[in-house]
Amino acid sequence: MAKDFFINKIPHNGMTFEKYSELADEKVNNEAAVTDEKEKELLEYTKLNVHRTGRINKTYKVSEELKEVISKIGKKQLWMMITEDWCGDSAQNLPYIAKMAEESENIDLKIIYRDENLDIMDQYLTNGTSRSIPKLVAFDEDGEELFQWGPRPQELVELVEQWKTEMEPKEWKEKIQLFYGRNRGKAIEQEFIDLLK
């Protein structure tokens, strides 16, 4: 049965990837307007993320294998992405997902901010406790859930668990970005091939 937020069309009225990117750019360009210290700190991450997202947008092409799988989607799907523009994992994954969604007129990717939709986020916690983002939830037209993905490729989830036992946060957080830079979307592509099959 469809959840209340789906019936109320909250994901349907979410942002396109273009709008989400535009709002992040605006935030960065209006840096002077940010006075709150916490907001300033988050803005530094948003700046980095705008750069990361731009780089992936310029260089990534959906693989033939994934295109083939996406081409077999015969019915409309709504992909709801819960995220925030300061989230490093989001900057490294959302642009890939957006390009995948562009491959099919049957996929409608809509983005909602986590912190404005905690009631929705709390229905999709990681390990039942964490509001980790990005979180993608796909639905059919009736609001039946098709699959979930996030907040990172599983290979990286396992690596991070290992790194956390071996090193300081600053160190393992740097290793996450190195993983993304070297992997260039291969891990997320493979996961979506498996999910969509």
Protein backbone atom coordinates (compact mmCIF):
# COMPACT_ATOMS: atom_id res chain seq x y z
CA MET A 1 0.00 0.00 0.00
CA ALA A 2 1.24 3.50 -0.83
CA LYS A 3 2.61 5.54 2.05
CA ASP A 4 0.97 8.82 3.10
CA PHE A 5 3.80 10.97 1.74
CA PHE A 6 3.39 9.28 -1.66
CA ILE A 7 -0.39 9.79 -1.65
CA ASN A 8 0.25 13.45 -0.73
CA LYS A 9 2.64 13.68 -3.71
CA ILE A 10 5.62 14.95 -1.73
CA PRO A 11 8.17 13.09 -3.88
CA HIS A 12 6.25 13.93 -7.08
CA ASN A 13 6.67 17.62 -6.22
CA GLY A 14 10.37 17.26 -5.45
CA MET A 15 13.15 18.92 -7.45
CA THR A 16 14.65 17.81 -10.69
CA PHE A 17 18.41 17.26 -10.65
CA GLU A 18 18.80 20.48 -12.67
CA LYS A 19 16.83 22.49 -10.11
CA TYR A 20 18.73 20.91 -7.20
CA SER A 21 22.07 21.79 -8.86
CA GLU A 22 20.85 25.32 -9.61
CA LEU A 23 19.90 25.88 -5.94
CA ALA A 24 23.31 24.60 -4.78
CA ASP A 25 25.03 27.00 -7.21
CA GLU A 26 22.88 29.89 -5.96
CA LYS A 27 23.79 29.08 -2.36
CA VAL A 28 27.50 29.09 -3.20
CA ASN A 29 27.20 32.33 -5.20
CA ASN A 30 25.36 34.05 -2.34
CA GLU A 31 27.93 33.07 0.27
CA ALA A 32 27.86 36.54 1.86
CA ALA A 33 24.23 35.99 2.91
CA VAL A 34 25.23 33.08 5.19
CA THR A 35 25.86 34.32 8.72
CA ASP A 36 25.17 31.28 10.92
CA GLU A 37 28.45 29.46 11.82
CA LYS A 38 27.03 25.97 11.27
CA GLU A 39 25.61 27.05 7.90
CA LYS A 40 28.99 28.52 6.92
CA GLU A 41 30.67 25.21 7.71
CA LEU A 42 28.13 23.29 5.62
CA LEU A 43 28.53 25.79 2.78
CA GLU A 44 32.22 24.85 2.51
CA TYR A 45 31.12 21.25 1.83
CA THR A 46 28.50 22.44 -0.67
CA LYS A 47 31.22 24.34 -2.57
CA LEU A 48 33.36 21.21 -2.81
CA ASN A 49 30.34 19.18 -3.86
CA VAL A 50 29.34 21.57 -6.65
CA HIS A 51 32.83 21.01 -8.07
CA ARG A 52 32.63 17.20 -7.65
CA THR A 53 29.19 16.98 -9.22
CA GLY A 54 30.27 19.16 -12.14
CA ARG A 55 33.25 16.93 -12.83
CA ILE A 56 31.13 13.75 -12.92
CA ASN A 57 28.51 15.46 -15.09
CA LYS A 58 31.16 16.34 -17.66
CA THR A 59 32.89 12.97 -17.78
CA TYR A 60 30.36 10.20 -17.04
CA LYS A 61 28.61 8.23 -19.77
CA VAL A 62 26.19 5.44 -18.84
CA SER A 63 27.67 2.08 -19.86
CA GLU A 64 26.08 0.07 -22.67
CA GLU A 65 25.24 -2.76 -20.27
CA LEU A 66 23.37 -0.42 -17.93
CA LYS A 67 21.65 1.35 -20.84
CA GLU A 68 20.38 -2.04 -21.99
CA VAL A 69 18.96 -2.86 -18.54
CA ILE A 70 17.34 0.59 -18.23
CA SER A 71 15.79 0.27 -21.70
CA LYS A 72 13.77 -2.71 -20.42
CA ILE A 73 11.91 -0.60 -17.84
CA GLY A 74 8.43 -0.74 -19.35
CA LYS A 75 6.38 1.04 -16.69
CA LYS A 76 6.68 4.44 -15.01
CA GLN A 77 8.86 4.61 -11.91
CA LEU A 78 9.34 7.48 -9.48
CA TRP A 79 12.83 7.61 -7.99
CA MET A 80 12.78 9.64 -4.77
CA MET A 81 16.23 10.82 -3.67
CA ILE A 82 16.55 12.09 -0.10
CA THR A 83 19.68 14.19 0.32
CA GLU A 84 21.34 17.54 1.11
CA ASP A 85 23.77 19.52 -1.03
CA TRP A 86 26.48 19.48 1.69
CA CYS A 87 26.61 15.68 1.67
CA GLY A 88 29.86 14.34 0.20
CA ASP A 89 28.43 10.91 -0.64
CA SER A 90 25.58 12.59 -2.46
CA ALA A 91 27.91 14.65 -4.65
CA GLN A 92 29.72 11.44 -5.62
CA ASN A 93 26.60 9.37 -6.38
CA LEU A 94 23.67 11.58 -7.34
CA PRO A 95 25.13 12.73 -10.69
CA TYR A 96 25.50 9.09 -11.78
CA ILE A 97 21.93 8.31 -10.74
CA ALA A 98 20.66 11.43 -12.56
CA LYS A 99 22.37 10.31 -15.78
CA MET A 100 20.87 6.84 -15.41
CA ALA A 101 17.39 8.33 -14.95
CA GLU A 102 17.84 10.42 -18.12
CA GLU A 103 18.18 7.18 -20.09
CA SER A 104 14.48 6.32 -19.72
CA GLU A 105 11.31 8.33 -20.12
CA ASN A 106 9.83 5.88 -17.61
CA ILE A 107 12.08 7.09 -14.77
CA ASP A 108 11.16 10.30 -12.99
CA LEU A 109 13.94 11.31 -10.57
CA LYS A 110 12.81 13.73 -7.87
CA ILE A 111 14.97 15.08 -5.06
CA ILE A 112 13.80 16.13 -1.61
CA TYR A 113 15.89 17.66 1.16
CA ARG A 114 16.34 15.37 4.15
CA ASP A 115 16.19 18.03 6.86
CA GLU A 116 12.85 19.37 5.60
CA ASN A 117 11.43 15.84 5.40
CA LEU A 118 12.65 14.02 8.49
CA ASP A 119 9.31 12.20 8.76
CA ILE A 120 10.06 10.59 5.37
CA MET A 121 13.75 10.07 6.13
CA ASP A 122 12.87 8.26 9.35
CA GLN A 123 11.06 5.59 7.32
CA TYR A 124 14.34 4.79 5.49
CA LEU A 125 17.01 4.75 8.18
CA THR A 126 20.29 2.96 7.53
CA ASN A 127 20.70 0.01 9.94
CA GLY A 128 17.47 1.16 11.58
CA THR A 129 19.18 4.07 13.34
CA SER A 130 21.01 6.44 11.00
CA ARG A 131 19.64 9.22 8.80
CA SER A 132 22.41 8.53 6.27
CA ILE A 133 22.12 10.15 2.86
CA PRO A 134 21.80 9.97 -0.05
CA LYS A 135 18.92 7.51 0.06
CA LEU A 136 17.08 6.53 -3.10
CA VAL A 137 13.69 4.83 -2.96
CA ALA A 138 11.99 3.75 -6.19
CA PHE A 139 8.22 3.38 -6.52
CA ASP A 140 5.82 2.20 -9.19
CA GLU A 141 2.87 4.42 -10.17
CA ASP A 142 0.73 3.05 -7.35
CA GLY A 143 3.33 3.83 -4.70
CA GLU A 144 4.53 0.26 -4.24
CA GLU A 145 8.20 0.26 -3.35
CA LEU A 146 10.43 -1.33 -6.01
CA PHE A 147 13.86 -0.98 -4.41
CA GLN A 148 16.08 1.13 -2.16
CA TRP A 149 19.67 2.24 -2.61
CA GLY A 150 22.10 4.17 -0.46
CA PRO A 151 23.84 5.84 1.13
CA ARG A 152 26.96 4.43 -0.59
CA PRO A 153 27.94 1.55 -2.84
CA GLN A 154 28.09 -1.62 -0.70
CA GLU A 155 31.79 -2.15 -1.46
CA LEU A 156 32.52 1.24 0.11
CA VAL A 157 30.18 0.60 3.07
CA GLU A 158 32.29 -2.46 3.93
CA LEU A 159 35.58 -0.61 3.45
CA VAL A 160 34.43 2.25 5.70
CA GLU A 161 33.49 -0.22 8.46
CA GLN A 162 37.02 -1.63 8.26
CA TRP A 163 38.71 1.81 8.09
CA LYS A 164 36.80 3.04 11.14
CA THR A 165 38.52 0.35 13.22
CA GLU A 166 41.96 1.25 11.87
CA MET A 167 42.17 5.04 11.58
CA GLU A 168 41.00 8.47 12.64
CA PRO A 169 37.85 10.03 11.05
CA LYS A 170 39.83 12.61 9.07
CA GLU A 171 41.86 9.81 7.48
CA TRP A 172 38.99 7.50 6.56
CA LYS A 173 36.91 10.40 5.24
CA GLU A 174 39.75 11.23 2.86
CA LYS A 175 39.90 7.57 1.79
CA ILE A 176 36.18 7.70 0.91
CA GLN A 177 36.83 10.53 -1.56
CA LEU A 178 39.83 8.65 -2.99
CA PHE A 179 37.65 5.57 -3.50
CA TYR A 180 35.10 7.60 -5.44
CA GLY A 181 37.77 9.30 -7.54
CA ARG A 182 39.38 6.00 -8.52
CA ASN A 183 36.18 3.99 -8.93
CA ARG A 184 34.55 6.48 -11.33
CA GLY A 185 31.04 5.12 -10.86
CA LYS A 186 31.79 1.45 -11.57
CA ALA A 187 30.49 0.25 -8.18
CA ILE A 188 27.23 2.19 -8.35
CA GLU A 189 26.67 1.12 -11.98
CA GLN A 190 27.02 -2.54 -11.09
CA GLU A 191 24.62 -2.18 -8.17
CA PHE A 192 22.00 -0.53 -10.39
CA ILE A 193 22.41 -3.23 -13.04
CA ASP A 194 21.63 -5.80 -10.33
CA LEU A 195 18.78 -3.76 -8.79
CA LEU A 196 17.06 -3.08 -12.11
CA LYS A 197 17.32 -6.63 -13.37
